[in-house]
PDB file of N, CA and C in Angstrom:
ATOM      1  N   MET A   1       0.818  -1.194   0.000  1.00  0.00           N
ATOM      2  CA  MET A   1       0.000   0.000   0.000  1.00  0.00           C
ATOM      3  C   MET A   1       0.860   1.255   0.000  1.00  0.00           C
ATOM      4  N   LYS A   2       2.017   1.159   0.621  1.00  0.00           N
ATOM      5  CA  LYS A   2       2.899   2.314   0.686  1.00  0.00           C
ATOM      6  C   LYS A   2       3.265   2.808  -0.718  1.00  0.00           C
ATOM      7  N   LYS A   3       3.469   1.876  -1.638  1.00  0.00           N
ATOM      8  CA  LYS A   3       3.804   2.246  -3.010  1.00  0.00           C
ATOM      9  C   LYS A   3       2.672   3.035  -3.662  1.00  0.00           C
ATOM     10  N   ILE A   4       1.445   2.588  -3.472  1.00  0.00           N
ATOM     11  CA  ILE A   4       0.300   3.300  -4.048  1.00  0.00           C
ATOM     12  C   ILE A   4       0.165   4.686  -3.436  1.00  0.00           C
ATOM     13  N   LEU A   5       0.322   4.788  -2.126  1.00  0.00           N
ATOM     14  CA  LEU A   5       0.183   6.078  -1.451  1.00  0.00           C
ATOM     15  C   LEU A   5       1.252   7.072  -1.886  1.00  0.00           C
ATOM     16  N   ALA A   6       2.435   6.589  -2.195  1.00  0.00           N
ATOM     17  CA  ALA A   6       3.533   7.465  -2.601  1.00  0.00           C
ATOM     18  C   ALA A   6       3.346   8.022  -4.005  1.00  0.00           C
ATOM     19  N   HIS A   7       2.457   7.395  -4.790  1.00  0.00           N
ATOM     20  CA  HIS A   7       2.243   7.806  -6.186  1.00  0.00           C
ATOM     21  C   HIS A   7       0.751   7.915  -6.486  1.00  0.00           C
ATOM     22  N   PRO A   8       0.059   8.896  -5.886  1.00  0.00           N
ATOM     23  CA  PRO A   8      -1.377   9.020  -6.119  1.00  0.00           C
ATOM     24  C   PRO A   8      -1.698   9.183  -7.596  1.00  0.00           C
ATOM     25  N   GLY A   9      -2.740   8.490  -8.030  1.00  0.00           N
ATOM     26  CA  GLY A   9      -3.184   8.577  -9.421  1.00  0.00           C
ATOM     27  C   GLY A   9      -2.512   7.573 -10.339  1.00  0.00           C
ATOM     28  N   MET A  10      -1.368   7.057  -9.950  1.00  0.00           N
ATOM     29  CA  MET A  10      -0.653   6.086 -10.775  1.00  0.00           C
ATOM     30  C   MET A  10      -1.265   4.697 -10.567  1.00  0.00           C
ATOM     31  N   VAL A  11      -1.451   3.964 -11.643  1.00  0.00           N
ATOM     32  CA  VAL A  11      -2.063   2.645 -11.571  1.00  0.00           C
ATOM     33  C   VAL A  11      -0.970   1.589 -11.475  1.00  0.00           C
ATOM     34  N   PHE A  12      -1.150   0.652 -10.525  1.00  0.00           N
ATOM     35  CA  PHE A  12      -0.204  -0.443 -10.325  1.00  0.00           C
ATOM     36  C   PHE A  12      -0.910  -1.766 -10.535  1.00  0.00           C
ATOM     37  N   SER A  13      -0.272  -2.654 -11.280  1.00  0.00           N
ATOM     38  CA  SER A  13      -0.840  -3.981 -11.491  1.00  0.00           C
ATOM     39  C   SER A  13      -0.663  -4.823 -10.238  1.00  0.00           C
ATOM     40  N   ARG A  14      -1.373  -5.918 -10.167  1.00  0.00           N
ATOM     41  CA  ARG A  14      -1.222  -6.845  -9.042  1.00  0.00           C
ATOM     42  C   ARG A  14       0.221  -7.322  -8.943  1.00  0.00           C
ATOM     43  N   ASP A  15       0.805  -7.673 -10.091  1.00  0.00           N
ATOM     44  CA  ASP A  15       2.190  -8.171 -10.086  1.00  0.00           C
ATOM     45  C   ASP A  15       3.173  -7.118  -9.582  1.00  0.00           C
ATOM     46  N   GLN A  16       2.981  -5.867  -9.958  1.00  0.00           N
ATOM     47  CA  GLN A  16       3.869  -4.810  -9.470  1.00  0.00           C
ATOM     48  C   GLN A  16       3.781  -4.686  -7.952  1.00  0.00           C
ATOM     49  N   LEU A  17       2.577  -4.757  -7.433  1.00  0.00           N
ATOM     50  CA  LEU A  17       2.401  -4.643  -5.985  1.00  0.00           C
ATOM     51  C   LEU A  17       2.997  -5.854  -5.265  1.00  0.00           C
ATOM     52  N   LEU A  18       2.795  -7.032  -5.812  1.00  0.00           N
ATOM     53  CA  LEU A  18       3.380  -8.233  -5.206  1.00  0.00           C
ATOM     54  C   LEU A  18       4.898  -8.169  -5.220  1.00  0.00           C
ATOM     55  N   ASP A  19       5.483  -7.740  -6.328  1.00  0.00           N
ATOM     56  CA  ASP A  19       6.942  -7.632  -6.411  1.00  0.00           C
ATOM     57  C   ASP A  19       7.485  -6.650  -5.375  1.00  0.00           C
ATOM     58  N   THR A  20       6.756  -5.576  -5.123  1.00  0.00           N
ATOM     59  CA  THR A  20       7.185  -4.591  -4.132  1.00  0.00           C
ATOM     60  C   THR A  20       7.207  -5.198  -2.733  1.00  0.00           C
ATOM     61  N   VAL A  21       6.210  -5.994  -2.420  1.00  0.00           N
ATOM     62  CA  VAL A  21       6.091  -6.547  -1.068  1.00  0.00           C
ATOM     63  C   VAL A  21       6.901  -7.822  -0.894  1.00  0.00           C
ATOM     64  N   TRP A  22       6.763  -8.763  -1.828  1.00  0.00           N
ATOM     65  CA  TRP A  22       7.377 -10.073  -1.656  1.00  0.00           C
ATOM     66  C   TRP A  22       8.572 -10.339  -2.569  1.00  0.00           C
ATOM     67  N   GLY A  23       8.824  -9.450  -3.533  1.00  0.00           N
ATOM     68  CA  GLY A  23       9.905  -9.689  -4.479  1.00  0.00           C
ATOM     69  C   GLY A  23       9.486 -10.704  -5.522  1.00  0.00           C
ATOM     70  N   SER A  24      10.407 -11.056  -6.392  1.00  0.00           N
ATOM     71  CA  SER A  24      10.071 -11.969  -7.483  1.00  0.00           C
ATOM     72  C   SER A  24       9.949 -13.423  -7.026  1.00  0.00           C
ATOM     73  N   GLU A  25      10.519 -13.757  -5.882  1.00  0.00           N
ATOM     74  CA  GLU A  25      10.422 -15.117  -5.338  1.00  0.00           C
ATOM     75  C   GLU A  25       9.264 -15.160  -4.338  1.00  0.00           C
ATOM     76  N   ARG A  26       8.058 -15.355  -4.851  1.00  0.00           N
ATOM     77  CA  ARG A  26       6.898 -15.320  -3.969  1.00  0.00           C
ATOM     78  C   ARG A  26       6.065 -16.588  -4.115  1.00  0.00           C
ATOM     79  N   ASN A  27       5.342 -16.884  -3.062  1.00  0.00           N
ATOM     80  CA  ASN A  27       4.477 -18.060  -3.044  1.00  0.00           C
ATOM     81  C   ASN A  27       3.015 -17.673  -2.880  1.00  0.00           C
ATOM     82  N   VAL A  28       2.656 -16.514  -3.386  1.00  0.00           N
ATOM     83  CA  VAL A  28       1.273 -16.049  -3.347  1.00  0.00           C
ATOM     84  C   VAL A  28       0.837 -15.744  -4.770  1.00  0.00           C
ATOM     85  N   THR A  29      -0.456 -15.745  -4.992  1.00  0.00           N
ATOM     86  CA  THR A  29      -0.976 -15.473  -6.329  1.00  0.00           C
ATOM     87  C   THR A  29      -1.319 -13.994  -6.472  1.00  0.00           C
ATOM     88  N   PRO A  30      -1.388 -13.517  -7.694  1.00  0.00           N
ATOM     89  CA  PRO A  30      -1.783 -12.116  -7.899  1.00  0.00           C
ATOM     90  C   PRO A  30      -3.151 -11.796  -7.302  1.00  0.00           C
ATOM     91  N   ARG A  31      -4.030 -12.771  -7.212  1.00  0.00           N
ATOM     92  CA  ARG A  31      -5.354 -12.540  -6.633  1.00  0.00           C
ATOM     93  C   ARG A  31      -5.282 -12.246  -5.131  1.00  0.00           C
ATOM     94  N   SER A  32      -4.164 -12.576  -4.494  1.00  0.00           N
ATOM     95  CA  SER A  32      -3.978 -12.267  -3.074  1.00  0.00           C
ATOM     96  C   SER A  32      -4.054 -10.762  -2.845  1.00  0.00           C
ATOM     97  N   VAL A  33      -3.626  -9.988  -3.831  1.00  0.00           N
ATOM     98  CA  VAL A  33      -3.678  -8.527  -3.726  1.00  0.00           C
ATOM     99  C   VAL A  33      -5.118  -8.079  -3.514  1.00  0.00           C
ATOM    100  N   ASP A  34      -6.057  -8.727  -4.186  1.00  0.00           N
ATOM    101  CA  ASP A  34      -7.469  -8.358  -4.050  1.00  0.00           C
ATOM    102  C   ASP A  34      -7.949  -8.495  -2.605  1.00  0.00           C
ATOM    103  N   VAL A  35      -7.493  -9.542  -1.943  1.00  0.00           N
ATOM    104  CA  VAL A  35      -7.876  -9.762  -0.550  1.00  0.00           C
ATOM    105  C   VAL A  35      -7.327  -8.642   0.329  1.00  0.00           C
ATOM    106  N   TYR A  36      -6.068  -8.298   0.133  1.00  0.00           N
ATOM    107  CA  TYR A  36      -5.462  -7.230   0.928  1.00  0.00           C
ATOM    108  C   TYR A  36      -6.121  -5.882   0.649  1.00  0.00           C
ATOM    109  N   VAL A  37      -6.429  -5.616  -0.607  1.00  0.00           N
ATOM    110  CA  VAL A  37      -7.095  -4.357  -0.961  1.00  0.00           C
ATOM    111  C   VAL A  37      -8.467  -4.299  -0.291  1.00  0.00           C
ATOM    112  N   ARG A  38      -9.203  -5.409  -0.307  1.00  0.00           N
ATOM    113  CA  ARG A  38     -10.514  -5.432   0.338  1.00  0.00           C
ATOM    114  C   ARG A  38     -10.390  -5.111   1.833  1.00  0.00           C
ATOM    115  N   ARG A  39      -9.408  -5.690   2.490  1.00  0.00           N
ATOM    116  CA  ARG A  39      -9.207  -5.445   3.922  1.00  0.00           C
ATOM    117  C   ARG A  39      -8.832  -3.996   4.203  1.00  0.00           C
ATOM    118  N   ILE A  40      -8.014  -3.424   3.346  1.00  0.00           N
ATOM    119  CA  ILE A  40      -7.639  -2.012   3.505  1.00  0.00           C
ATOM    120  C   ILE A  40      -8.860  -1.122   3.313  1.00  0.00           C
ATOM    121  N   ARG A  41      -9.654  -1.439   2.288  1.00  0.00           N
ATOM    122  CA  ARG A  41     -10.868  -0.654   2.041  1.00  0.00           C
ATOM    123  C   ARG A  41     -11.818  -0.698   3.234  1.00  0.00           C
ATOM    124  N   GLU A  42     -11.929  -1.850   3.860  1.00  0.00           N
ATOM    125  CA  GLU A  42     -12.808  -1.972   5.023  1.00  0.00           C
ATOM    126  C   GLU A  42     -12.364  -1.050   6.152  1.00  0.00           C
ATOM    127  N   LYS A  43     -11.089  -0.716   6.190  1.00  0.00           N
ATOM    128  CA  LYS A  43     -10.562   0.132   7.252  1.00  0.00           C
ATOM    129  C   LYS A  43     -10.588   1.622   6.909  1.00  0.00           C
ATOM    130  N   VAL A  44     -10.399   1.970   5.629  1.00  0.00           N
ATOM    131  CA  VAL A  44     -10.241   3.389   5.295  1.00  0.00           C
ATOM    132  C   VAL A  44     -11.405   4.014   4.532  1.00  0.00           C
ATOM    133  N   GLU A  45     -12.246   3.208   3.945  1.00  0.00           N
ATOM    134  CA  GLU A  45     -13.333   3.744   3.130  1.00  0.00           C
ATOM    135  C   GLU A  45     -14.610   3.893   3.950  1.00  0.00           C
ATOM    136  N   ALA A  46     -15.345   4.958   3.724  1.00  0.00           N
ATOM    137  CA  ALA A  46     -16.647   5.129   4.363  1.00  0.00           C
ATOM    138  C   ALA A  46     -17.632   4.081   3.839  1.00  0.00           C
ATOM    139  N   ALA A  47     -17.515   3.768   2.556  1.00  0.00           N
ATOM    140  CA  ALA A  47     -18.353   2.749   1.913  1.00  0.00           C
ATOM    141  C   ALA A  47     -17.440   1.828   1.109  1.00  0.00           C
ATOM    142  N   PRO A  48     -16.916   0.774   1.721  1.00  0.00           N
ATOM    143  CA  PRO A  48     -15.959  -0.104   1.027  1.00  0.00           C
ATOM    144  C   PRO A  48     -16.481  -0.696  -0.275  1.00  0.00           C
ATOM    145  N   GLU A  49     -17.795  -0.881  -0.377  1.00  0.00           N
ATOM    146  CA  GLU A  49     -18.364  -1.439  -1.606  1.00  0.00           C
ATOM    147  C   GLU A  49     -18.388  -0.421  -2.747  1.00  0.00           C
ATOM    148  N   ASP A  50     -18.184   0.848  -2.428  1.00  0.00           N
ATOM    149  CA  ASP A  50     -18.105   1.932  -3.423  1.00  0.00           C
ATOM    150  C   ASP A  50     -16.907   2.801  -3.057  1.00  0.00           C
ATOM    151  N   PRO A  51     -15.693   2.291  -3.269  1.00  0.00           N
ATOM    152  CA  PRO A  51     -14.483   2.961  -2.771  1.00  0.00           C
ATOM    153  C   PRO A  51     -14.203   4.302  -3.434  1.00  0.00           C
ATOM    154  N   PHE A  52     -13.721   5.211  -2.620  1.00  0.00           N
ATOM    155  CA  PHE A  52     -13.306   6.520  -3.110  1.00  0.00           C
ATOM    156  C   PHE A  52     -11.784   6.600  -3.222  1.00  0.00           C
ATOM    157  N   TYR A  53     -11.071   6.130  -2.204  1.00  0.00           N
ATOM    158  CA  TYR A  53      -9.619   6.288  -2.145  1.00  0.00           C
ATOM    159  C   TYR A  53      -8.841   5.198  -2.872  1.00  0.00           C
ATOM    160  N   VAL A  54      -9.160   3.952  -2.623  1.00  0.00           N
ATOM    161  CA  VAL A  54      -8.438   2.843  -3.261  1.00  0.00           C
ATOM    162  C   VAL A  54      -9.328   2.321  -4.375  1.00  0.00           C
ATOM    163  N   GLN A  55      -8.988   2.726  -5.592  1.00  0.00           N
ATOM    164  CA  GLN A  55      -9.839   2.446  -6.738  1.00  0.00           C
ATOM    165  C   GLN A  55      -9.290   1.301  -7.584  1.00  0.00           C
ATOM    166  N   THR A  56     -10.211   0.543  -8.142  1.00  0.00           N
ATOM    167  CA  THR A  56      -9.862  -0.510  -9.082  1.00  0.00           C
ATOM    168  C   THR A  56      -9.920   0.070 -10.484  1.00  0.00           C
ATOM    169  N   VAL A  57      -8.882  -0.178 -11.260  1.00  0.00           N
ATOM    170  CA  VAL A  57      -8.874   0.165 -12.680  1.00  0.00           C
ATOM    171  C   VAL A  57      -9.003  -1.178 -13.400  1.00  0.00           C
ATOM    172  N   HIS A  58     -10.204  -1.482 -13.844  1.00  0.00           N
ATOM    173  CA  HIS A  58     -10.513  -2.801 -14.388  1.00  0.00           C
ATOM    174  C   HIS A  58      -9.564  -3.193 -15.515  1.00  0.00           C
ATOM    175  N   GLY A  59      -9.047  -4.398 -15.396  1.00  0.00           N
ATOM    176  CA  GLY A  59      -8.133  -4.928 -16.398  1.00  0.00           C
ATOM    177  C   GLY A  59      -6.701  -4.451 -16.243  1.00  0.00           C
ATOM    178  N   VAL A  60      -6.457  -3.543 -15.274  1.00  0.00           N
ATOM    179  CA  VAL A  60      -5.110  -2.994 -15.107  1.00  0.00           C
ATOM    180  C   VAL A  60      -4.594  -3.230 -13.694  1.00  0.00           C
ATOM    181  N   GLY A  61      -5.288  -2.689 -12.678  1.00  0.00           N
ATOM    182  CA  GLY A  61      -4.812  -2.827 -11.305  1.00  0.00           C
ATOM    183  C   GLY A  61      -5.516  -1.875 -10.359  1.00  0.00           C
ATOM    184  N   TYR A  62      -4.723  -1.240  -9.496  1.00  0.00           N
ATOM    185  CA  TYR A  62      -5.262  -0.369  -8.453  1.00  0.00           C
ATOM    186  C   TYR A  62      -4.536   0.967  -8.436  1.00  0.00           C
ATOM    187  N   ARG A  63      -5.258   1.989  -7.957  1.00  0.00           N
ATOM    188  CA  ARG A  63      -4.644   3.307  -7.767  1.00  0.00           C
ATOM    189  C   ARG A  63      -5.235   3.948  -6.524  1.00  0.00           C
ATOM    190  N   PHE A  64      -4.490   4.922  -6.004  1.00  0.00           N
ATOM    191  CA  PHE A  64      -4.928   5.702  -4.849  1.00  0.00           C
ATOM    192  C   PHE A  64      -5.350   7.072  -5.322  1.00  0.00           C
ATOM    193  N   ARG A  65      -6.508   7.497  -4.885  1.00  0.00           N
ATOM    194  CA  ARG A  65      -7.009   8.828  -5.210  1.00  0.00           C
ATOM    195  C   ARG A  65      -6.912   9.674  -3.954  1.00  0.00           C
ATOM    196  N   ASP A  66      -6.190  10.778  -4.026  1.00  0.00           N
ATOM    197  CA  ASP A  66      -6.000  11.591  -2.824  1.00  0.00           C
ATOM    198  C   ASP A  66      -6.764  12.899  -2.828  1.00  0.00           C
ATOM    199  N   GLU A  67      -7.350  13.308  -3.957  1.00  0.00           N
ATOM    200  CA  GLU A  67      -8.089  14.562  -3.964  1.00  0.00           C
ATOM    201  C   GLU A  67      -9.495  14.349  -3.411  1.00  0.00           C
ATOM    202  N   GLN A  68     -10.062  15.391  -2.889  1.00  0.00           N
ATOM    203  CA  GLN A  68     -11.401  15.322  -2.290  1.00  0.00           C
ATOM    204  C   GLN A  68     -12.474  15.554  -3.314  1.00  0.00           C
TER     205      GLN A  68
END
């Protein structure tokens, strides 16, 4: 998540996020990112089912939106 927060508006793929956290030698699937994103949304979003801050860019990945 730190990577997304440091670059608001920039879209990161699941693989990019996994490489940042676990490196190239990992034993988790790219779909694991979805689970972590869901948990983060539950903590920071007013409505996790309709996220404002941690957005999904379908077919690409995730981005952080910092403007109000």
